[in-house]
């Protein structure tokens, strides 16, 4: 018993010493431009809008027609692993928010699409209401998407955002992209509302869509930042157990922290036990 207590005390002392040498860790905030997008319109079911400056989402009470936006996420964002990820949001600029009591939802697509070169024309080379690429029919007219997985928009002034953090490992989102559609597509019975005309990647530079990712460039479980998850990290966590105002970055789970150092943080360490961070960065010794 004495030996065990001495061992724990030694670990706590070592943790205290190493906390003094722990580097300050700043989260990285990076934006990635969305460059592939279009929209499809049931009122013009054979037209492509691949180079249009807008990406419309609407329900038209005049004739019951619908418009839905499609976009692909930039390939380079997937180099960020789930263990590094703090948050990820998709942002689209809306120049006339008339969603009224409805909102716009994001769904992963379950089939790929071609952006096309049309601007409300019969280009024959991009997605339309009827086809995914100008030639091959969607399985379901209006785009193939996963209706069981969705994120509602957070509407902030002229910018709408969708938090896709929990969808980071969604295979469909990674492979095919996403659809933006009105959450309720029933006919409102009046003209032009609800609608959300977003700016596309072909619109004004300061209004183009993008993905904002906040992440760390080390293993979250590597609390002291020495490049490996081991007993030092465990000792630091143990010395801050159940604290909500820890002076060190031991609140490592879930991503971004939850305000207390507890079993979730312990699980994060054990699941990455002895894993090493091989990134090229300066280590504090």
C-alpha atoms as a PDB file:
ATOM      1  CA  UNK A   1       0.000   0.000   0.000  1.00  0.00           C
ATOM      2  CA  UNK A   2       2.842   2.364   0.901  1.00  0.00           C
ATOM      3  CA  UNK A   3       4.580   1.606  -2.383  1.00  0.00           C
ATOM      4  CA  UNK A   4       1.408   2.332  -4.332  1.00  0.00           C
ATOM      5  CA  UNK A   5       0.872   5.652  -2.528  1.00  0.00           C
ATOM      6  CA  UNK A   6       4.492   6.608  -3.118  1.00  0.00           C
ATOM      7  CA  UNK A   7       4.078   5.771  -6.809  1.00  0.00           C
ATOM      8  CA  UNK A   8       1.004   7.996  -7.116  1.00  0.00           C
ATOM      9  CA  UNK A   9       2.697  10.822  -5.249  1.00  0.00           C
ATOM     10  CA  UNK A  10       5.699  10.530  -7.555  1.00  0.00           C
ATOM     11  CA  UNK A  11       3.430  10.711 -10.576  1.00  0.00           C
ATOM     12  CA  UNK A  12       1.657  13.768  -9.189  1.00  0.00           C
ATOM     13  CA  UNK A  13       4.936  15.534  -8.493  1.00  0.00           C
ATOM     14  CA  UNK A  14       6.212  14.660 -11.971  1.00  0.00           C
ATOM     15  CA  UNK A  15       2.980  15.957 -13.443  1.00  0.00           C
ATOM     16  CA  UNK A  16       3.354  19.207 -11.513  1.00  0.00           C
ATOM     17  CA  UNK A  17       6.866  19.713 -12.796  1.00  0.00           C
ATOM     18  CA  UNK A  18       5.921  18.902 -16.363  1.00  0.00           C
ATOM     19  CA  UNK A  19       2.924  21.221 -16.270  1.00  0.00           C
ATOM     20  CA  UNK A  20       5.368  24.060 -15.823  1.00  0.00           C
ATOM     21  CA  UNK A  21       7.002  23.043 -19.103  1.00  0.00           C
ATOM     22  CA  UNK A  22       3.794  22.390 -20.990  1.00  0.00           C
ATOM     23  CA  UNK A  23       3.644  24.538 -24.144  1.00  0.00           C
ATOM     24  CA  UNK A  24       0.724  26.869 -24.687  1.00  0.00           C
ATOM     25  CA  UNK A  25      -1.537  25.176 -27.220  1.00  0.00           C
ATOM     26  CA  UNK A  26      -3.531  27.373 -29.522  1.00  0.00           C
ATOM     27  CA  UNK A  27      -6.313  25.926 -31.623  1.00  0.00           C
ATOM     28  CA  UNK A  28      -5.907  26.346 -35.355  1.00  0.00           C
ATOM     29  CA  UNK A  29      -8.759  28.048 -37.205  1.00  0.00           C
ATOM     30  CA  UNK A  30      -8.686  27.454 -40.952  1.00  0.00           C
ATOM     31  CA  UNK A  31     -11.143  28.156 -43.749  1.00  0.00           C
ATOM     32  CA  UNK A  32     -11.487  26.122 -46.929  1.00  0.00           C
ATOM     33  CA  UNK A  33     -13.302  27.455 -49.987  1.00  0.00           C
ATOM     34  CA  UNK A  34     -16.210  25.468 -51.404  1.00  0.00           C
ATOM     35  CA  UNK A  35     -15.534  25.473 -55.145  1.00  0.00           C
ATOM     36  CA  UNK A  36     -18.020  22.913 -56.458  1.00  0.00           C
ATOM     37  CA  UNK A  37     -21.698  23.818 -56.139  1.00  0.00           C
ATOM     38  CA  UNK A  38     -24.900  24.216 -58.105  1.00  0.00           C
ATOM     39  CA  UNK A  39     -28.635  24.124 -57.587  1.00  0.00           C
ATOM     40  CA  UNK A  40     -31.452  22.157 -59.146  1.00  0.00           C
ATOM     41  CA  UNK A  41     -34.932  23.514 -59.858  1.00  0.00           C
ATOM     42  CA  UNK A  42     -38.089  21.492 -60.411  1.00  0.00           C
ATOM     43  CA  UNK A  43     -39.587  24.364 -62.421  1.00  0.00           C
ATOM     44  CA  UNK A  44     -36.826  23.898 -65.008  1.00  0.00           C
ATOM     45  CA  UNK A  45     -36.063  20.189 -64.532  1.00  0.00           C
ATOM     46  CA  UNK A  46     -33.590  19.880 -67.434  1.00  0.00           C
ATOM     47  CA  UNK A  47     -31.612  23.081 -66.768  1.00  0.00           C
ATOM     48  CA  UNK A  48     -28.188  23.186 -65.156  1.00  0.00           C
ATOM     49  CA  UNK A  49     -26.976  26.063 -62.932  1.00  0.00           C
ATOM     50  CA  UNK A  50     -23.324  25.079 -62.444  1.00  0.00           C
ATOM     51  CA  UNK A  51     -21.901  28.552 -63.094  1.00  0.00           C
ATOM     52  CA  UNK A  52     -24.808  30.565 -61.714  1.00  0.00           C
ATOM     53  CA  UNK A  53     -23.855  33.110 -59.054  1.00  0.00           C
ATOM     54  CA  UNK A  54     -26.606  31.844 -56.767  1.00  0.00           C
ATOM     55  CA  UNK A  55     -27.422  28.544 -55.108  1.00  0.00           C
ATOM     56  CA  UNK A  56     -31.143  28.786 -54.468  1.00  0.00           C
ATOM     57  CA  UNK A  57     -33.170  26.954 -51.850  1.00  0.00           C
ATOM     58  CA  UNK A  58     -36.888  27.657 -52.022  1.00  0.00           C
ATOM     59  CA  UNK A  59     -40.479  26.532 -52.084  1.00  0.00           C
ATOM     60  CA  UNK A  60     -42.484  28.545 -54.584  1.00  0.00           C
ATOM     61  CA  UNK A  61     -46.091  29.020 -53.551  1.00  0.00           C
ATOM     62  CA  UNK A  62     -47.004  30.195 -57.059  1.00  0.00           C
ATOM     63  CA  UNK A  63     -46.532  26.826 -58.723  1.00  0.00           C
ATOM     64  CA  UNK A  64     -45.270  24.502 -55.948  1.00  0.00           C
ATOM     65  CA  UNK A  65     -41.814  24.256 -57.504  1.00  0.00           C
ATOM     66  CA  UNK A  66     -38.732  23.528 -55.428  1.00  0.00           C
ATOM     67  CA  UNK A  67     -35.058  24.466 -55.617  1.00  0.00           C
ATOM     68  CA  UNK A  68     -32.266  22.689 -53.765  1.00  0.00           C
ATOM     69  CA  UNK A  69     -28.546  23.465 -53.580  1.00  0.00           C
ATOM     70  CA  UNK A  70     -25.798  20.863 -53.987  1.00  0.00           C
ATOM     71  CA  UNK A  71     -22.146  21.234 -53.027  1.00  0.00           C
ATOM     72  CA  UNK A  72     -18.996  19.206 -52.445  1.00  0.00           C
ATOM     73  CA  UNK A  73     -16.706  19.706 -49.490  1.00  0.00           C
ATOM     74  CA  UNK A  74     -13.044  20.495 -50.293  1.00  0.00           C
ATOM     75  CA  UNK A  75     -10.901  17.343 -50.433  1.00  0.00           C
ATOM     76  CA  UNK A  76      -8.106  18.842 -48.341  1.00  0.00           C
ATOM     77  CA  UNK A  77     -10.223  19.165 -45.191  1.00  0.00           C
ATOM     78  CA  UNK A  78     -10.225  15.398 -44.744  1.00  0.00           C
ATOM     79  CA  UNK A  79      -6.527  15.410 -43.856  1.00  0.00           C
ATOM     80  CA  UNK A  80      -7.714  16.616 -40.439  1.00  0.00           C
ATOM     81  CA  UNK A  81      -8.534  13.587 -38.315  1.00  0.00           C
ATOM     82  CA  UNK A  82     -11.452  13.298 -35.922  1.00  0.00           C
ATOM     83  CA  UNK A  83      -8.959  13.240 -33.027  1.00  0.00           C
ATOM     84  CA  UNK A  84      -7.674  16.661 -34.056  1.00  0.00           C
ATOM     85  CA  UNK A  85     -11.075  18.155 -34.791  1.00  0.00           C
ATOM     86  CA  UNK A  86     -12.694  20.671 -32.451  1.00  0.00           C
ATOM     87  CA  UNK A  87     -15.473  21.892 -34.749  1.00  0.00           C
ATOM     88  CA  UNK A  88     -16.395  22.178 -38.418  1.00  0.00           C
ATOM     89  CA  UNK A  89     -19.039  24.448 -39.942  1.00  0.00           C
ATOM     90  CA  UNK A  90     -20.291  25.078 -43.456  1.00  0.00           C
ATOM     91  CA  UNK A  91     -21.072  28.747 -44.216  1.00  0.00           C
ATOM     92  CA  UNK A  92     -23.254  30.178 -47.004  1.00  0.00           C
ATOM     93  CA  UNK A  93     -24.131  33.833 -47.521  1.00  0.00           C
ATOM     94  CA  UNK A  94     -27.815  34.569 -48.071  1.00  0.00           C
ATOM     95  CA  UNK A  95     -28.591  37.894 -49.694  1.00  0.00           C
ATOM     96  CA  UNK A  96     -32.337  37.743 -48.978  1.00  0.00           C
ATOM     97  CA  UNK A  97     -33.420  35.642 -46.021  1.00  0.00           C
ATOM     98  CA  UNK A  98     -37.096  34.908 -46.495  1.00  0.00           C
ATOM     99  CA  UNK A  99     -37.228  31.524 -44.787  1.00  0.00           C
ATOM    100  CA  UNK A 100     -39.993  32.835 -42.500  1.00  0.00           C
ATOM    101  CA  UNK A 101     -40.920  30.096 -39.999  1.00  0.00           C
ATOM    102  CA  UNK A 102     -38.928  27.449 -41.835  1.00  0.00           C
ATOM    103  CA  UNK A 103     -35.208  26.779 -42.006  1.00  0.00           C
ATOM    104  CA  UNK A 104     -32.686  25.203 -44.365  1.00  0.00           C
ATOM    105  CA  UNK A 105     -31.337  21.736 -43.594  1.00  0.00           C
ATOM    106  CA  UNK A 106     -28.124  20.077 -44.724  1.00  0.00           C
ATOM    107  CA  UNK A 107     -28.265  16.414 -45.767  1.00  0.00           C
ATOM    108  CA  UNK A 108     -25.391  14.209 -46.976  1.00  0.00           C
ATOM    109  CA  UNK A 109     -25.853  13.178 -50.587  1.00  0.00           C
ATOM    110  CA  UNK A 110     -25.841   9.443 -51.326  1.00  0.00           C
ATOM    111  CA  UNK A 111     -24.849   9.879 -54.943  1.00  0.00           C
ATOM    112  CA  UNK A 112     -22.317  12.133 -56.611  1.00  0.00           C
ATOM    113  CA  UNK A 113     -23.153  14.969 -58.985  1.00  0.00           C
ATOM    114  CA  UNK A 114     -21.459  17.008 -61.708  1.00  0.00           C
ATOM    115  CA  UNK A 115     -21.382  20.775 -61.240  1.00  0.00           C
ATOM    116  CA  UNK A 116     -21.828  21.549 -64.949  1.00  0.00           C
ATOM    117  CA  UNK A 117     -21.299  24.677 -67.009  1.00  0.00           C
ATOM    118  CA  UNK A 118     -24.876  25.884 -67.353  1.00  0.00           C
ATOM    119  CA  UNK A 119     -26.370  29.129 -66.124  1.00  0.00           C
ATOM    120  CA  UNK A 120     -30.014  28.186 -66.252  1.00  0.00           C
ATOM    121  CA  UNK A 121     -29.416  26.448 -69.576  1.00  0.00           C
ATOM    122  CA  UNK A 122     -29.469  23.025 -71.206  1.00  0.00           C
ATOM    123  CA  UNK A 123     -25.735  22.412 -70.795  1.00  0.00           C
ATOM    124  CA  UNK A 124     -26.018  18.623 -70.821  1.00  0.00           C
ATOM    125  CA  UNK A 125     -22.951  18.287 -68.583  1.00  0.00           C
ATOM    126  CA  UNK A 126     -24.178  18.957 -65.040  1.00  0.00           C
ATOM    127  CA  UNK A 127     -26.787  18.154 -62.433  1.00  0.00           C
ATOM    128  CA  UNK A 128     -30.424  19.003 -63.055  1.00  0.00           C
ATOM    129  CA  UNK A 129     -33.633  18.227 -61.196  1.00  0.00           C
ATOM    130  CA  UNK A 130     -33.858  15.020 -63.223  1.00  0.00           C
ATOM    131  CA  UNK A 131     -30.228  13.959 -63.596  1.00  0.00           C
ATOM    132  CA  UNK A 132     -27.054  13.881 -61.499  1.00  0.00           C
ATOM    133  CA  UNK A 133     -24.777  14.812 -64.403  1.00  0.00           C
ATOM    134  CA  UNK A 134     -26.906  15.850 -67.376  1.00  0.00           C
ATOM    135  CA  UNK A 135     -27.307  12.283 -68.599  1.00  0.00           C
ATOM    136  CA  UNK A 136     -27.886   9.789 -65.758  1.00  0.00           C
ATOM    137  CA  UNK A 137     -31.137   9.976 -63.819  1.00  0.00           C
ATOM    138  CA  UNK A 138     -31.218  10.430 -60.081  1.00  0.00           C
ATOM    139  CA  UNK A 139     -32.690   7.412 -58.303  1.00  0.00           C
ATOM    140  CA  UNK A 140     -35.202   9.873 -56.857  1.00  0.00           C
ATOM    141  CA  UNK A 141     -36.033  12.954 -58.914  1.00  0.00           C
ATOM    142  CA  UNK A 142     -34.695  16.038 -57.175  1.00  0.00           C
ATOM    143  CA  UNK A 143     -31.468  14.478 -55.891  1.00  0.00           C
ATOM    144  CA  UNK A 144     -30.445  11.424 -53.886  1.00  0.00           C
ATOM    145  CA  UNK A 145     -29.822  12.343 -50.250  1.00  0.00           C
ATOM    146  CA  UNK A 146     -29.937  10.739 -46.819  1.00  0.00           C
ATOM    147  CA  UNK A 147     -33.171  12.002 -45.268  1.00  0.00           C
ATOM    148  CA  UNK A 148     -32.304  10.403 -41.895  1.00  0.00           C
ATOM    149  CA  UNK A 149     -29.174  12.510 -41.383  1.00  0.00           C
ATOM    150  CA  UNK A 150     -29.486  16.274 -41.264  1.00  0.00           C
ATOM    151  CA  UNK A 151     -28.317  19.494 -39.612  1.00  0.00           C
ATOM    152  CA  UNK A 152     -30.510  22.586 -39.349  1.00  0.00           C
ATOM    153  CA  UNK A 153     -29.116  25.990 -40.190  1.00  0.00           C
ATOM    154  CA  UNK A 154     -27.923  28.451 -37.597  1.00  0.00           C
ATOM    155  CA  UNK A 155     -29.175  31.729 -39.075  1.00  0.00           C
ATOM    156  CA  UNK A 156     -26.899  34.645 -38.241  1.00  0.00           C
ATOM    157  CA  UNK A 157     -27.717  37.820 -40.152  1.00  0.00           C
ATOM    158  CA  UNK A 158     -26.701  37.250 -43.781  1.00  0.00           C
ATOM    159  CA  UNK A 159     -24.702  34.104 -43.077  1.00  0.00           C
ATOM    160  CA  UNK A 160     -26.209  30.674 -42.479  1.00  0.00           C
ATOM    161  CA  UNK A 161     -24.032  27.948 -40.959  1.00  0.00           C
ATOM    162  CA  UNK A 162     -24.351  24.209 -40.429  1.00  0.00           C
ATOM    163  CA  UNK A 163     -22.328  22.420 -37.765  1.00  0.00           C
ATOM    164  CA  UNK A 164     -20.997  19.223 -39.372  1.00  0.00           C
ATOM    165  CA  UNK A 165     -18.662  18.270 -36.513  1.00  0.00           C
ATOM    166  CA  UNK A 166     -20.644  15.138 -35.693  1.00  0.00           C
ATOM    167  CA  UNK A 167     -20.747  14.198 -39.391  1.00  0.00           C
ATOM    168  CA  UNK A 168     -16.976  14.343 -39.853  1.00  0.00           C
ATOM    169  CA  UNK A 169     -16.693  10.613 -40.534  1.00  0.00           C
ATOM    170  CA  UNK A 170     -19.913  10.337 -42.525  1.00  0.00           C
ATOM    171  CA  UNK A 171     -18.902   8.379 -45.625  1.00  0.00           C
ATOM    172  CA  UNK A 172     -21.593   9.903 -47.839  1.00  0.00           C
ATOM    173  CA  UNK A 173     -20.695  13.465 -46.877  1.00  0.00           C
ATOM    174  CA  UNK A 174     -17.042  12.788 -47.603  1.00  0.00           C
ATOM    175  CA  UNK A 175     -17.657  10.977 -50.873  1.00  0.00           C
ATOM    176  CA  UNK A 176     -20.541  12.835 -52.475  1.00  0.00           C
ATOM    177  CA  UNK A 177     -21.091  16.163 -50.696  1.00  0.00           C
ATOM    178  CA  UNK A 178     -24.320  17.617 -49.373  1.00  0.00           C
ATOM    179  CA  UNK A 179     -27.700  19.052 -50.250  1.00  0.00           C
ATOM    180  CA  UNK A 180     -29.310  22.161 -48.801  1.00  0.00           C
ATOM    181  CA  UNK A 181     -33.100  22.088 -48.862  1.00  0.00           C
ATOM    182  CA  UNK A 182     -35.980  23.704 -47.027  1.00  0.00           C
ATOM    183  CA  UNK A 183     -36.844  21.645 -43.956  1.00  0.00           C
ATOM    184  CA  UNK A 184     -40.530  21.853 -44.869  1.00  0.00           C
ATOM    185  CA  UNK A 185     -41.166  21.696 -48.609  1.00  0.00           C
ATOM    186  CA  UNK A 186     -44.946  21.799 -48.454  1.00  0.00           C
ATOM    187  CA  UNK A 187     -46.658  24.526 -50.509  1.00  0.00           C
ATOM    188  CA  UNK A 188     -46.976  27.639 -48.297  1.00  0.00           C
ATOM    189  CA  UNK A 189     -49.900  28.939 -50.339  1.00  0.00           C
ATOM    190  CA  UNK A 190     -48.344  32.312 -51.069  1.00  0.00           C
ATOM    191  CA  UNK A 191     -45.763  33.582 -53.532  1.00  0.00           C
ATOM    192  CA  UNK A 192     -41.964  33.330 -53.280  1.00  0.00           C
ATOM    193  CA  UNK A 193     -41.762  32.401 -49.619  1.00  0.00           C
ATOM    194  CA  UNK A 194     -39.995  30.547 -48.063  1.00  0.00           C
ATOM    195  CA  UNK A 195     -36.777  31.104 -49.991  1.00  0.00           C
ATOM    196  CA  UNK A 196     -33.040  31.407 -49.298  1.00  0.00           C
ATOM    197  CA  UNK A 197     -31.000  32.535 -52.317  1.00  0.00           C
ATOM    198  CA  UNK A 198     -27.419  31.764 -51.306  1.00  0.00           C
ATOM    199  CA  UNK A 199     -24.349  33.101 -53.062  1.00  0.00           C
ATOM    200  CA  UNK A 200     -22.499  30.354 -54.920  1.00  0.00           C
ATOM    201  CA  UNK A 201     -18.781  29.861 -55.490  1.00  0.00           C
ATOM    202  CA  UNK A 202     -19.191  31.879 -58.711  1.00  0.00           C
ATOM    203  CA  UNK A 203     -20.579  34.903 -56.874  1.00  0.00           C
ATOM    204  CA  UNK A 204     -18.778  37.902 -55.302  1.00  0.00           C
ATOM    205  CA  UNK A 205     -15.529  36.846 -53.620  1.00  0.00           C
ATOM    206  CA  UNK A 206     -16.520  38.089 -50.156  1.00  0.00           C
ATOM    207  CA  UNK A 207     -19.791  36.132 -50.216  1.00  0.00           C
ATOM    208  CA  UNK A 208     -18.599  32.738 -51.440  1.00  0.00           C
ATOM    209  CA  UNK A 209     -19.284  29.614 -49.371  1.00  0.00           C
ATOM    210  CA  UNK A 210     -16.625  27.985 -47.248  1.00  0.00           C
ATOM    211  CA  UNK A 211     -15.936  25.490 -44.489  1.00  0.00           C
ATOM    212  CA  UNK A 212     -14.471  26.701 -41.193  1.00  0.00           C
ATOM    213  CA  UNK A 213     -12.521  24.076 -39.271  1.00  0.00           C
ATOM    214  CA  UNK A 214     -11.088  24.476 -35.779  1.00  0.00           C
ATOM    215  CA  UNK A 215      -8.583  21.804 -34.841  1.00  0.00           C
ATOM    216  CA  UNK A 216      -5.408  20.983 -32.962  1.00  0.00           C
ATOM    217  CA  UNK A 217      -2.207  19.764 -34.579  1.00  0.00           C
ATOM    218  CA  UNK A 218      -1.448  17.240 -31.846  1.00  0.00           C
ATOM    219  CA  UNK A 219      -3.241  14.365 -30.205  1.00  0.00           C
ATOM    220  CA  UNK A 220      -5.756  15.789 -27.746  1.00  0.00           C
ATOM    221  CA  UNK A 221      -4.810  13.007 -25.336  1.00  0.00           C
ATOM    222  CA  UNK A 222      -1.185  14.216 -25.333  1.00  0.00           C
ATOM    223  CA  UNK A 223      -1.911  16.698 -22.571  1.00  0.00           C
ATOM    224  CA  UNK A 224       1.631  17.870 -21.907  1.00  0.00           C
ATOM    225  CA  UNK A 225       2.521  18.056 -25.595  1.00  0.00           C
ATOM    226  CA  UNK A 226       5.634  15.890 -25.482  1.00  0.00           C
ATOM    227  CA  UNK A 227       4.595  13.809 -28.472  1.00  0.00           C
ATOM    228  CA  UNK A 228       3.343  10.643 -26.772  1.00  0.00           C
ATOM    229  CA  UNK A 229       0.342   9.622 -24.658  1.00  0.00           C
ATOM    230  CA  UNK A 230       1.677   8.012 -21.502  1.00  0.00           C
ATOM    231  CA  UNK A 231       1.739   8.069 -17.687  1.00  0.00           C
ATOM    232  CA  UNK A 232       2.701  11.736 -17.625  1.00  0.00           C
ATOM    233  CA  UNK A 233      -0.564  12.667 -19.333  1.00  0.00           C
ATOM    234  CA  UNK A 234      -2.433  10.320 -17.016  1.00  0.00           C
ATOM    235  CA  UNK A 235      -0.803  11.925 -13.974  1.00  0.00           C
ATOM    236  CA  UNK A 236      -1.754  15.413 -15.142  1.00  0.00           C
ATOM    237  CA  UNK A 237      -5.326  14.291 -15.651  1.00  0.00           C
ATOM    238  CA  UNK A 238      -5.391  12.578 -12.258  1.00  0.00           C
ATOM    239  CA  UNK A 239      -4.103  15.683 -10.496  1.00  0.00           C
ATOM    240  CA  UNK A 240      -6.938  17.702 -12.045  1.00  0.00           C
ATOM    241  CA  UNK A 241      -9.653  15.076 -11.592  1.00  0.00           C
ATOM    242  CA  UNK A 242     -13.187  16.511 -11.434  1.00  0.00           C
ATOM    243  CA  UNK A 243     -11.929  20.083 -11.657  1.00  0.00           C
ATOM    244  CA  UNK A 244     -13.907  22.498 -13.792  1.00  0.00           C
ATOM    245  CA  UNK A 245     -11.317  25.276 -13.764  1.00  0.00           C
ATOM    246  CA  UNK A 246      -8.096  23.415 -14.453  1.00  0.00           C
ATOM    247  CA  UNK A 247      -5.021  25.521 -15.198  1.00  0.00           C
ATOM    248  CA  UNK A 248      -3.896  23.020 -17.834  1.00  0.00           C
ATOM    249  CA  UNK A 249      -5.538  21.719 -20.989  1.00  0.00           C
ATOM    250  CA  UNK A 250      -6.726  18.426 -19.495  1.00  0.00           C
ATOM    251  CA  UNK A 251     -10.387  18.819 -20.503  1.00  0.00           C
ATOM    252  CA  UNK A 252      -9.784  16.876 -23.722  1.00  0.00           C
ATOM    253  CA  UNK A 253     -13.120  15.160 -24.313  1.00  0.00           C
ATOM    254  CA  UNK A 254     -15.453  15.616 -26.000  1.00  0.00           C
ATOM    255  CA  UNK A 255     -13.811  17.741 -28.689  1.00  0.00           C
ATOM    256  CA  UNK A 256     -13.657  21.283 -27.376  1.00  0.00           C
ATOM    257  CA  UNK A 257     -14.189  20.147 -23.788  1.00  0.00           C
ATOM    258  CA  UNK A 258     -17.297  19.983 -21.628  1.00  0.00           C
ATOM    259  CA  UNK A 259     -16.160  22.030 -18.640  1.00  0.00           C
ATOM    260  CA  UNK A 260     -15.040  19.221 -16.348  1.00  0.00           C
ATOM    261  CA  UNK A 261     -12.243  16.659 -16.204  1.00  0.00           C
ATOM    262  CA  UNK A 262     -13.896  13.296 -15.784  1.00  0.00           C
ATOM    263  CA  UNK A 263     -14.333   9.791 -17.192  1.00  0.00           C
ATOM    264  CA  UNK A 264     -14.708  11.058 -20.766  1.00  0.00           C
ATOM    265  CA  UNK A 265     -11.230  12.565 -20.574  1.00  0.00           C
ATOM    266  CA  UNK A 266      -9.845   9.370 -19.048  1.00  0.00           C
ATOM    267  CA  UNK A 267     -11.410   7.365 -21.874  1.00  0.00           C
ATOM    268  CA  UNK A 268      -9.743   9.671 -24.417  1.00  0.00           C
ATOM    269  CA  UNK A 269      -6.336   8.944 -22.898  1.00  0.00           C
ATOM    270  CA  UNK A 270      -6.841   5.186 -22.642  1.00  0.00           C
ATOM    271  CA  UNK A 271      -8.094   4.950 -26.231  1.00  0.00           C
ATOM    272  CA  UNK A 272      -4.859   6.561 -27.450  1.00  0.00           C
ATOM    273  CA  UNK A 273      -2.505   4.979 -24.963  1.00  0.00           C
ATOM    274  CA  UNK A 274       1.138   5.102 -26.122  1.00  0.00           C
ATOM    275  CA  UNK A 275       0.184   6.666 -29.447  1.00  0.00           C
ATOM    276  CA  UNK A 276       2.787   9.143 -30.660  1.00  0.00           C
ATOM    277  CA  UNK A 277       2.425  12.466 -32.425  1.00  0.00           C
ATOM    278  CA  UNK A 278       4.964  12.452 -35.236  1.00  0.00           C
ATOM    279  CA  UNK A 279       4.173  15.937 -36.499  1.00  0.00           C
ATOM    280  CA  UNK A 280       7.067  18.304 -37.149  1.00  0.00           C
ATOM    281  CA  UNK A 281       6.793  20.660 -34.220  1.00  0.00           C
ATOM    282  CA  UNK A 282       9.032  21.858 -31.410  1.00  0.00           C
ATOM    283  CA  UNK A 283       8.704  19.850 -28.230  1.00  0.00           C
ATOM    284  CA  UNK A 284       9.304  21.311 -24.790  1.00  0.00           C
ATOM    285  CA  UNK A 285      11.836  19.239 -22.933  1.00  0.00           C
END
